[in-house]
Amino acid sequence: MAWPAAFSWMLVIPFLVLAWILRVRTVVGPDGITARATFSTTRIGWDALAGIRFPKRGWARATLTDGSEVPLPVVTFGRLPELAEASGGRITDPYAAADAARAAEAAARATESDDATK
């Protein structure tokens, strides 16, 4: 930092990071999904969405009916329950499905136990 002319460009880095944080997002609404990347915005209608793929690394990808894929910034597998809720049920939540299956299984076991005791 003894040479301000050479290192003054470093003062721009926090502002670039802040702009990236404020810009990049995925918005889910009643009309579809809007994926905002650093320099582009992609709108996907619900009728154009074929599914969602979660690669090993990185953000989720929306698979479209024409076979192309669109990255969904900030959406990971851990955020799938939030995505399912925001989609109004158009995207299924595997966690909720697993919980429902466990509850049904527990209810079936309880019914069998009651029948066995009678």
N, C-alpha and C. Protein backbone atom coordinates (compact mmCIF):
# COMPACT_ATOMS: atom_id res chain seq x y z
N MET A 1 0.82 -1.20 0.00
CA MET A 1 0.00 0.00 0.00
C MET A 1 0.87 1.27 0.00
N ALA A 2 2.16 1.07 -0.06
CA ALA A 2 3.05 2.22 -0.09
C ALA A 2 3.04 2.91 -1.45
N TRP A 3 2.47 2.26 -2.44
CA TRP A 3 2.42 2.81 -3.79
C TRP A 3 0.96 2.88 -4.22
N PRO A 4 0.23 3.94 -3.84
CA PRO A 4 -1.21 4.03 -4.07
C PRO A 4 -1.61 3.94 -5.55
N ALA A 5 -0.80 4.42 -6.44
CA ALA A 5 -1.15 4.38 -7.85
C ALA A 5 -1.24 2.93 -8.36
N ALA A 6 -0.43 2.05 -7.81
CA ALA A 6 -0.42 0.67 -8.27
C ALA A 6 -1.53 -0.17 -7.63
N PHE A 7 -1.97 0.20 -6.43
CA PHE A 7 -2.94 -0.62 -5.71
C PHE A 7 -4.32 0.03 -5.57
N SER A 8 -4.53 1.17 -6.15
CA SER A 8 -5.82 1.85 -6.01
C SER A 8 -6.95 1.08 -6.69
N TRP A 9 -6.66 0.27 -7.70
CA TRP A 9 -7.67 -0.53 -8.38
C TRP A 9 -8.32 -1.54 -7.43
N MET A 10 -7.60 -1.89 -6.35
CA MET A 10 -8.14 -2.85 -5.39
C MET A 10 -9.34 -2.31 -4.63
N LEU A 11 -9.50 -0.99 -4.61
CA LEU A 11 -10.64 -0.39 -3.93
C LEU A 11 -11.95 -0.68 -4.68
N VAL A 12 -11.85 -1.06 -5.93
CA VAL A 12 -13.03 -1.35 -6.74
C VAL A 12 -13.59 -2.75 -6.44
N ILE A 13 -12.76 -3.66 -5.98
CA ILE A 13 -13.16 -5.04 -5.76
C ILE A 13 -14.38 -5.17 -4.84
N PRO A 14 -14.44 -4.52 -3.68
CA PRO A 14 -15.63 -4.66 -2.83
C PRO A 14 -16.91 -4.20 -3.53
N PHE A 15 -16.83 -3.18 -4.35
CA PHE A 15 -18.02 -2.70 -5.05
C PHE A 15 -18.47 -3.69 -6.13
N LEU A 16 -17.51 -4.33 -6.80
CA LEU A 16 -17.85 -5.35 -7.78
C LEU A 16 -18.51 -6.56 -7.11
N VAL A 17 -18.00 -6.96 -5.97
CA VAL A 17 -18.59 -8.08 -5.23
C VAL A 17 -20.00 -7.72 -4.77
N LEU A 18 -20.20 -6.51 -4.27
CA LEU A 18 -21.52 -6.07 -3.84
C LEU A 18 -22.50 -6.04 -5.01
N ALA A 19 -22.07 -5.56 -6.15
CA ALA A 19 -22.94 -5.54 -7.33
C ALA A 19 -23.31 -6.95 -7.75
N TRP A 20 -22.38 -7.89 -7.67
CA TRP A 20 -22.66 -9.27 -8.03
C TRP A 20 -23.68 -9.88 -7.05
N ILE A 21 -23.50 -9.63 -5.76
CA ILE A 21 -24.42 -10.16 -4.75
C ILE A 21 -25.83 -9.61 -4.97
N LEU A 22 -25.93 -8.33 -5.27
CA LEU A 22 -27.25 -7.73 -5.46
C LEU A 22 -27.90 -8.15 -6.78
N ARG A 23 -27.13 -8.51 -7.77
CA ARG A 23 -27.65 -8.82 -9.10
C ARG A 23 -28.06 -10.29 -9.26
N VAL A 24 -27.20 -11.21 -8.88
CA VAL A 24 -27.39 -12.62 -9.17
C VAL A 24 -28.44 -13.22 -8.24
N ARG A 25 -29.49 -13.83 -8.86
CA ARG A 25 -30.55 -14.46 -8.07
C ARG A 25 -31.46 -15.27 -8.97
N THR A 26 -32.29 -16.09 -8.36
CA THR A 26 -33.35 -16.82 -9.03
C THR A 26 -34.65 -16.45 -8.35
N VAL A 27 -35.62 -16.00 -9.13
CA VAL A 27 -36.91 -15.59 -8.60
C VAL A 27 -37.97 -16.55 -9.14
N VAL A 28 -38.75 -17.12 -8.22
CA VAL A 28 -39.81 -18.04 -8.60
C VAL A 28 -41.14 -17.37 -8.30
N GLY A 29 -42.03 -17.37 -9.30
CA GLY A 29 -43.32 -16.73 -9.12
C GLY A 29 -44.41 -17.49 -9.84
N PRO A 30 -45.62 -16.95 -9.84
CA PRO A 30 -46.74 -17.64 -10.49
C PRO A 30 -46.59 -17.76 -12.01
N ASP A 31 -45.81 -16.87 -12.62
CA ASP A 31 -45.63 -16.91 -14.08
C ASP A 31 -44.50 -17.83 -14.51
N GLY A 32 -43.59 -18.17 -13.60
CA GLY A 32 -42.46 -19.01 -13.94
C GLY A 32 -41.24 -18.66 -13.12
N ILE A 33 -40.08 -18.95 -13.70
CA ILE A 33 -38.80 -18.74 -13.02
C ILE A 33 -38.01 -17.68 -13.79
N THR A 34 -37.40 -16.75 -13.05
CA THR A 34 -36.52 -15.76 -13.64
C THR A 34 -35.12 -15.97 -13.06
N ALA A 35 -34.16 -16.29 -13.92
CA ALA A 35 -32.78 -16.51 -13.52
C ALA A 35 -31.96 -15.30 -13.93
N ARG A 36 -31.44 -14.57 -12.94
CA ARG A 36 -30.62 -13.38 -13.22
C ARG A 36 -29.16 -13.70 -12.97
N ALA A 37 -28.38 -13.73 -14.03
CA ALA A 37 -26.94 -13.95 -13.91
C ALA A 37 -26.25 -12.58 -13.90
N THR A 38 -24.94 -12.59 -13.97
CA THR A 38 -24.19 -11.34 -13.89
C THR A 38 -24.55 -10.39 -15.02
N PHE A 39 -24.64 -10.89 -16.24
CA PHE A 39 -24.89 -10.02 -17.38
C PHE A 39 -26.14 -10.38 -18.19
N SER A 40 -26.94 -11.33 -17.72
CA SER A 40 -28.12 -11.72 -18.48
C SER A 40 -29.28 -12.09 -17.55
N THR A 41 -30.48 -12.05 -18.10
CA THR A 41 -31.69 -12.46 -17.40
C THR A 41 -32.46 -13.40 -18.31
N THR A 42 -32.86 -14.55 -17.76
CA THR A 42 -33.62 -15.54 -18.52
C THR A 42 -34.93 -15.82 -17.80
N ARG A 43 -36.04 -15.69 -18.53
CA ARG A 43 -37.35 -15.98 -17.97
C ARG A 43 -37.83 -17.32 -18.54
N ILE A 44 -38.30 -18.19 -17.65
CA ILE A 44 -38.77 -19.51 -18.04
C ILE A 44 -40.21 -19.65 -17.57
N GLY A 45 -41.12 -19.86 -18.50
CA GLY A 45 -42.51 -20.11 -18.14
C GLY A 45 -42.68 -21.53 -17.63
N TRP A 46 -43.72 -21.75 -16.84
CA TRP A 46 -43.94 -23.08 -16.29
C TRP A 46 -44.17 -24.12 -17.38
N ASP A 47 -44.77 -23.71 -18.47
CA ASP A 47 -45.03 -24.66 -19.56
C ASP A 47 -43.76 -25.05 -20.31
N ALA A 48 -42.71 -24.25 -20.21
CA ALA A 48 -41.44 -24.55 -20.88
C ALA A 48 -40.49 -25.36 -20.01
N LEU A 49 -40.82 -25.54 -18.74
CA LEU A 49 -39.94 -26.25 -17.80
C LEU A 49 -40.22 -27.74 -17.83
N ALA A 50 -39.19 -28.53 -18.14
CA ALA A 50 -39.33 -29.99 -18.16
C ALA A 50 -38.89 -30.60 -16.83
N GLY A 51 -37.93 -29.97 -16.16
CA GLY A 51 -37.43 -30.50 -14.90
C GLY A 51 -36.26 -29.68 -14.39
N ILE A 52 -35.73 -30.11 -13.25
CA ILE A 52 -34.57 -29.43 -12.65
C ILE A 52 -33.52 -30.49 -12.37
N ARG A 53 -32.30 -30.18 -12.74
CA ARG A 53 -31.17 -31.08 -12.54
C ARG A 53 -30.21 -30.45 -11.55
N PHE A 54 -29.67 -31.26 -10.64
CA PHE A 54 -28.71 -30.78 -9.65
C PHE A 54 -27.37 -31.45 -9.90
N PRO A 55 -26.43 -30.73 -10.53
CA PRO A 55 -25.10 -31.33 -10.76
C PRO A 55 -24.35 -31.50 -9.44
N LYS A 56 -23.26 -32.24 -9.47
CA LYS A 56 -22.47 -32.45 -8.25
C LYS A 56 -21.97 -31.14 -7.67
N ARG A 57 -21.55 -30.26 -8.55
CA ARG A 57 -21.05 -28.96 -8.10
C ARG A 57 -21.80 -27.86 -8.82
N GLY A 58 -21.94 -26.76 -8.16
CA GLY A 58 -22.57 -25.61 -8.80
C GLY A 58 -24.06 -25.53 -8.52
N TRP A 59 -24.69 -24.63 -9.23
CA TRP A 59 -26.11 -24.37 -9.04
C TRP A 59 -26.96 -25.31 -9.86
N ALA A 60 -28.22 -25.35 -9.51
CA ALA A 60 -29.17 -26.19 -10.23
C ALA A 60 -29.31 -25.72 -11.67
N ARG A 61 -29.82 -26.59 -12.50
CA ARG A 61 -30.05 -26.26 -13.91
C ARG A 61 -31.49 -26.63 -14.25
N ALA A 62 -32.17 -25.67 -14.86
CA ALA A 62 -33.53 -25.92 -15.34
C ALA A 62 -33.44 -26.55 -16.71
N THR A 63 -34.05 -27.72 -16.87
CA THR A 63 -34.10 -28.38 -18.17
C THR A 63 -35.39 -27.96 -18.85
N LEU A 64 -35.27 -27.43 -20.04
CA LEU A 64 -36.43 -26.94 -20.77
C LEU A 64 -36.99 -28.03 -21.68
N THR A 65 -38.21 -27.81 -22.15
CA THR A 65 -38.85 -28.81 -23.01
C THR A 65 -38.13 -28.99 -24.34
N ASP A 66 -37.35 -28.00 -24.77
CA ASP A 66 -36.60 -28.15 -26.02
C ASP A 66 -35.26 -28.84 -25.82
N GLY A 67 -34.95 -29.26 -24.58
CA GLY A 67 -33.72 -29.97 -24.29
C GLY A 67 -32.58 -29.10 -23.80
N SER A 68 -32.71 -27.80 -23.87
CA SER A 68 -31.64 -26.92 -23.41
C SER A 68 -31.71 -26.78 -21.88
N GLU A 69 -30.64 -26.25 -21.33
CA GLU A 69 -30.56 -26.05 -19.88
C GLU A 69 -30.22 -24.60 -19.57
N VAL A 70 -30.78 -24.12 -18.46
CA VAL A 70 -30.53 -22.76 -17.99
C VAL A 70 -30.07 -22.86 -16.54
N PRO A 71 -28.89 -22.29 -16.19
CA PRO A 71 -28.47 -22.33 -14.79
C PRO A 71 -29.39 -21.47 -13.92
N LEU A 72 -29.68 -21.97 -12.73
CA LEU A 72 -30.49 -21.24 -11.75
C LEU A 72 -29.58 -20.78 -10.63
N PRO A 73 -29.12 -19.53 -10.69
CA PRO A 73 -28.18 -19.03 -9.68
C PRO A 73 -28.73 -19.15 -8.27
N VAL A 74 -27.88 -19.58 -7.37
CA VAL A 74 -28.09 -19.65 -5.93
C VAL A 74 -29.05 -20.79 -5.53
N VAL A 75 -29.53 -21.58 -6.48
CA VAL A 75 -30.41 -22.70 -6.15
C VAL A 75 -29.57 -23.96 -6.04
N THR A 76 -29.57 -24.56 -4.84
CA THR A 76 -28.89 -25.82 -4.60
C THR A 76 -29.92 -26.83 -4.11
N PHE A 77 -29.51 -28.07 -3.95
CA PHE A 77 -30.43 -29.11 -3.51
C PHE A 77 -30.99 -28.80 -2.12
N GLY A 78 -30.21 -28.15 -1.29
CA GLY A 78 -30.67 -27.78 0.05
C GLY A 78 -31.79 -26.75 0.04
N ARG A 79 -31.89 -25.99 -1.03
CA ARG A 79 -32.96 -24.98 -1.15
C ARG A 79 -34.19 -25.50 -1.87
N LEU A 80 -34.22 -26.78 -2.16
CA LEU A 80 -35.35 -27.36 -2.89
C LEU A 80 -36.69 -27.20 -2.17
N PRO A 81 -36.76 -27.34 -0.83
CA PRO A 81 -38.05 -27.09 -0.18
C PRO A 81 -38.56 -25.66 -0.38
N GLU A 82 -37.68 -24.68 -0.34
CA GLU A 82 -38.08 -23.30 -0.58
C GLU A 82 -38.54 -23.12 -2.03
N LEU A 83 -37.85 -23.75 -2.95
CA LEU A 83 -38.21 -23.67 -4.36
C LEU A 83 -39.57 -24.32 -4.60
N ALA A 84 -39.82 -25.46 -3.97
CA ALA A 84 -41.10 -26.15 -4.12
C ALA A 84 -42.24 -25.31 -3.56
N GLU A 85 -42.01 -24.68 -2.42
CA GLU A 85 -43.05 -23.84 -1.82
C GLU A 85 -43.34 -22.61 -2.68
N ALA A 86 -42.29 -21.99 -3.18
CA ALA A 86 -42.47 -20.79 -4.00
C ALA A 86 -43.13 -21.11 -5.33
N SER A 87 -42.96 -22.33 -5.83
CA SER A 87 -43.55 -22.69 -7.11
C SER A 87 -45.03 -23.04 -7.00
N GLY A 88 -45.53 -23.10 -5.81
CA GLY A 88 -46.94 -23.43 -5.62
C GLY A 88 -47.26 -24.88 -5.93
N GLY A 89 -46.30 -25.77 -5.73
CA GLY A 89 -46.51 -27.19 -5.96
C GLY A 89 -46.15 -27.66 -7.35
N ARG A 90 -45.71 -26.77 -8.22
CA ARG A 90 -45.31 -27.18 -9.57
C ARG A 90 -44.02 -27.97 -9.56
N ILE A 91 -43.17 -27.69 -8.57
CA ILE A 91 -41.94 -28.44 -8.37
C ILE A 91 -42.12 -29.22 -7.08
N THR A 92 -41.88 -30.53 -7.13
CA THR A 92 -42.11 -31.35 -5.95
C THR A 92 -40.92 -31.28 -5.00
N ASP A 93 -41.23 -31.42 -3.73
CA ASP A 93 -40.22 -31.40 -2.68
C ASP A 93 -39.95 -32.84 -2.25
N PRO A 94 -38.77 -33.40 -2.55
CA PRO A 94 -38.52 -34.79 -2.17
C PRO A 94 -38.46 -34.99 -0.66
N TYR A 95 -38.08 -33.95 0.08
CA TYR A 95 -38.06 -34.07 1.53
C TYR A 95 -39.47 -34.27 2.05
N ALA A 96 -40.43 -33.50 1.56
CA ALA A 96 -41.82 -33.62 2.00
C ALA A 96 -42.40 -34.96 1.58
N ALA A 97 -42.05 -35.43 0.38
CA ALA A 97 -42.53 -36.73 -0.08
C ALA A 97 -41.98 -37.84 0.80
N ALA A 98 -40.72 -37.75 1.19
CA ALA A 98 -40.12 -38.76 2.06
C ALA A 98 -40.76 -38.71 3.44
N ASP A 99 -41.03 -37.52 3.96
CA ASP A 99 -41.70 -37.40 5.26
C ASP A 99 -43.11 -37.98 5.21
N ALA A 100 -43.82 -37.74 4.12
CA ALA A 100 -45.17 -38.29 3.98
C ALA A 100 -45.13 -39.81 3.89
N ALA A 101 -44.14 -40.36 3.20
CA ALA A 101 -44.00 -41.81 3.09
C ALA A 101 -43.68 -42.41 4.45
N ARG A 102 -42.81 -41.77 5.23
CA ARG A 102 -42.49 -42.25 6.57
C ARG A 102 -43.72 -42.20 7.47
N ALA A 103 -44.49 -41.13 7.37
CA ALA A 103 -45.70 -41.00 8.19
C ALA A 103 -46.72 -42.07 7.82
N ALA A 104 -46.87 -42.35 6.53
CA ALA A 104 -47.81 -43.39 6.10
C ALA A 104 -47.35 -44.76 6.57
N GLU A 105 -46.04 -45.00 6.52
CA GLU A 105 -45.50 -46.26 6.99
C GLU A 105 -45.69 -46.43 8.49
N ALA A 106 -45.48 -45.35 9.24
CA ALA A 106 -45.68 -45.40 10.68
C ALA A 106 -47.15 -45.64 11.03
N ALA A 107 -48.04 -45.01 10.26
CA ALA A 107 -49.47 -45.22 10.49
C ALA A 107 -49.86 -46.65 10.18
N ALA A 108 -49.28 -47.23 9.12
CA ALA A 108 -49.57 -48.61 8.77
C ALA A 108 -49.07 -49.56 9.85
N ARG A 109 -47.88 -49.29 10.40
CA ARG A 109 -47.35 -50.12 11.49
C ARG A 109 -48.22 -50.02 12.72
N ALA A 110 -48.70 -48.80 13.01
CA ALA A 110 -49.56 -48.61 14.18
C ALA A 110 -50.87 -49.37 14.02
N THR A 111 -51.42 -49.38 12.81
CA THR A 111 -52.65 -50.11 12.54
C THR A 111 -52.43 -51.61 12.68
N GLU A 112 -51.28 -52.11 12.18
CA GLU A 112 -50.96 -53.53 12.32
C GLU A 112 -50.80 -53.91 13.78
N SER A 113 -50.17 -53.02 14.57
CA SER A 113 -49.99 -53.29 16.00
C SER A 113 -51.33 -53.36 16.71
N ASP A 114 -52.24 -52.45 16.35
CA ASP A 114 -53.57 -52.45 16.96
C ASP A 114 -54.35 -53.70 16.60
N ASP A 115 -54.22 -54.13 15.34
CA ASP A 115 -54.93 -55.34 14.89
C ASP A 115 -54.35 -56.58 15.57
N ALA A 116 -53.04 -56.61 15.81
CA ALA A 116 -52.40 -57.76 16.42
C ALA A 116 -52.77 -57.89 17.90
N THR A 117 -53.02 -56.78 18.58
CA THR A 117 -53.37 -56.81 19.99
C THR A 117 -54.81 -57.18 20.22
N LYS A 118 -55.65 -57.11 19.21
CA LYS A 118 -57.08 -57.42 19.37
C LYS A 118 -57.35 -58.88 19.28
